[in-house]
Protein backbone atom coordinates (compact mmCIF):
# COMPACT_ATOMS: atom_id res chain seq x y z
CA MET A 1 0.37 -0.20 0.12
CA LYS A 2 1.67 3.19 -0.97
CA ARG A 3 1.29 6.15 2.43
CA LYS A 4 -0.14 9.16 1.04
CA TYR A 5 2.72 11.99 2.69
CA TRP A 6 1.36 15.74 2.41
CA GLU A 7 3.89 18.58 3.73
CA LEU A 8 2.57 21.90 5.31
CA ILE A 9 3.92 24.98 3.30
CA GLN A 10 3.59 28.64 3.70
CA ALA A 11 3.88 31.98 2.28
CA MET A 12 7.34 32.38 0.86
CA PRO A 13 8.65 34.68 -2.29
CA ALA A 14 7.89 33.23 -5.75
CA VAL A 15 10.89 32.00 -6.86
CA ASP A 16 11.45 29.99 -3.13
CA LEU A 17 7.82 28.73 -3.86
CA GLU A 18 7.61 27.50 -6.79
CA ALA A 19 11.56 25.44 -6.54
CA THR A 20 9.73 23.95 -3.53
CA VAL A 21 6.58 22.83 -4.78
CA ARG A 22 7.98 21.32 -8.00
CA ARG A 23 10.44 19.56 -5.51
CA PHE A 24 7.24 18.17 -4.13
CA GLU A 25 6.31 16.90 -7.22
CA GLU A 26 9.18 14.93 -7.92
CA LEU A 27 9.23 13.26 -4.65
CA ASP A 28 5.77 12.04 -5.48
CA LEU A 29 3.94 13.89 -2.56
CA ASP A 30 0.35 13.62 -2.14
CA GLY A 31 -0.58 17.20 -1.52
CA VAL A 32 0.21 20.69 0.59
CA TRP A 33 -1.91 22.03 3.19
CA VAL A 34 -0.96 25.93 3.65
CA PRO A 35 -2.29 27.21 6.89
CA GLN A 36 -3.10 30.93 7.42
CA LEU A 37 0.15 31.74 9.72
CA HIS A 38 0.62 35.33 8.58
CA SER A 39 -1.44 35.44 5.98
CA PRO A 40 -4.51 34.00 4.18
CA PRO A 41 -3.95 30.44 1.98
CA PHE A 42 -6.02 31.55 -0.78
CA VAL A 43 -3.37 32.95 -3.09
CA THR A 44 -0.63 30.43 -2.20
CA LEU A 45 -2.57 27.65 -3.28
CA ALA A 46 -3.44 29.45 -6.48
CA ALA A 47 0.34 30.57 -6.76
CA ILE A 48 0.75 26.53 -5.63
CA ALA A 49 -1.62 25.62 -8.11
CA MET A 50 0.39 27.55 -11.14
CA CYS A 51 3.35 25.74 -11.14
CA THR A 52 2.32 22.23 -10.31
CA LYS A 53 0.06 19.53 -11.94
CA LYS A 54 -0.88 16.98 -10.29
CA ILE A 55 -0.19 17.35 -6.51
CA LYS A 56 -3.24 18.03 -4.37
CA LEU A 57 -4.06 21.68 -2.20
CA GLY A 58 -5.31 22.02 1.17
CA THR A 59 -6.22 24.70 3.23
CA GLY A 60 -5.11 23.41 6.21
CA ILE A 61 -6.25 26.58 8.44
CA ALA A 62 -8.43 29.20 7.47
CA LEU A 63 -9.45 31.12 10.47
CA ALA A 64 -13.59 31.84 10.03
CA PHE A 65 -13.18 34.64 12.34
CA THR A 66 -10.86 36.49 10.12
CA ARG A 67 -13.87 36.68 7.51
CA SER A 68 -17.21 35.80 7.14
CA ALA A 69 -18.58 32.09 6.26
CA ALA A 70 -19.73 33.14 2.97
CA GLU A 71 -15.80 35.28 1.58
CA THR A 72 -14.41 31.51 2.98
CA ALA A 73 -17.39 29.36 0.92
CA GLU A 74 -16.81 31.86 -1.99
CA LEU A 75 -12.72 31.57 -2.45
CA GLU A 76 -12.74 28.03 -1.48
CA SER A 77 -15.29 27.41 -4.51
CA ARG A 78 -13.37 29.12 -6.90
CA LEU A 79 -10.37 27.17 -6.02
CA TYR A 80 -12.03 24.29 -6.60
CA GLU A 81 -13.84 25.26 -9.64
CA LYS A 82 -10.58 26.47 -11.37
CA ILE A 83 -8.46 23.93 -9.96
CA GLY A 84 -10.42 21.00 -8.91
CA ARG A 85 -7.77 19.22 -6.52
CA LEU A 86 -8.50 21.27 -3.75
CA GLU A 87 -9.37 19.46 0.13
CA THR A 88 -10.53 21.69 3.34
CA GLU A 89 -9.47 20.52 6.19
CA LEU A 90 -13.16 19.84 7.10
CA ASP A 91 -13.08 17.53 3.95
CA TRP A 92 -9.74 16.03 5.37
CA LEU A 93 -11.94 15.21 8.72
CA GLN A 94 -14.87 13.03 7.14
CA LYS A 95 -12.90 11.16 5.04
CA LYS A 96 -11.02 10.36 7.89
CA LEU A 97 -14.25 9.35 10.30
CA GLY A 98 -16.09 8.12 7.14
CA ALA A 99 -19.01 10.83 7.08
CA SER A 100 -20.56 11.87 4.09
CA HIS A 101 -21.61 15.59 3.29
């Protein structure tokens, strides 16, 4: 059974981000989580999507109290619509617990 490995990554200069995530793809990582530490994760996720082909993208932690629930849902929906490989922490938890939407 192939193990699925994910890595945490945060916002960084574009050149460094591109080199890092391309290396992750070469290593056959399953995905990357982008938690909200110093900035919202959505721009970093979009940048990663532009320079990768198969690696899955996850929001990690997107702080709910810094924006409205509608704004968060809209951002995640648009990213999923454009990229098709976005997972949220809620998606991951539901899979882990065997729950359905």
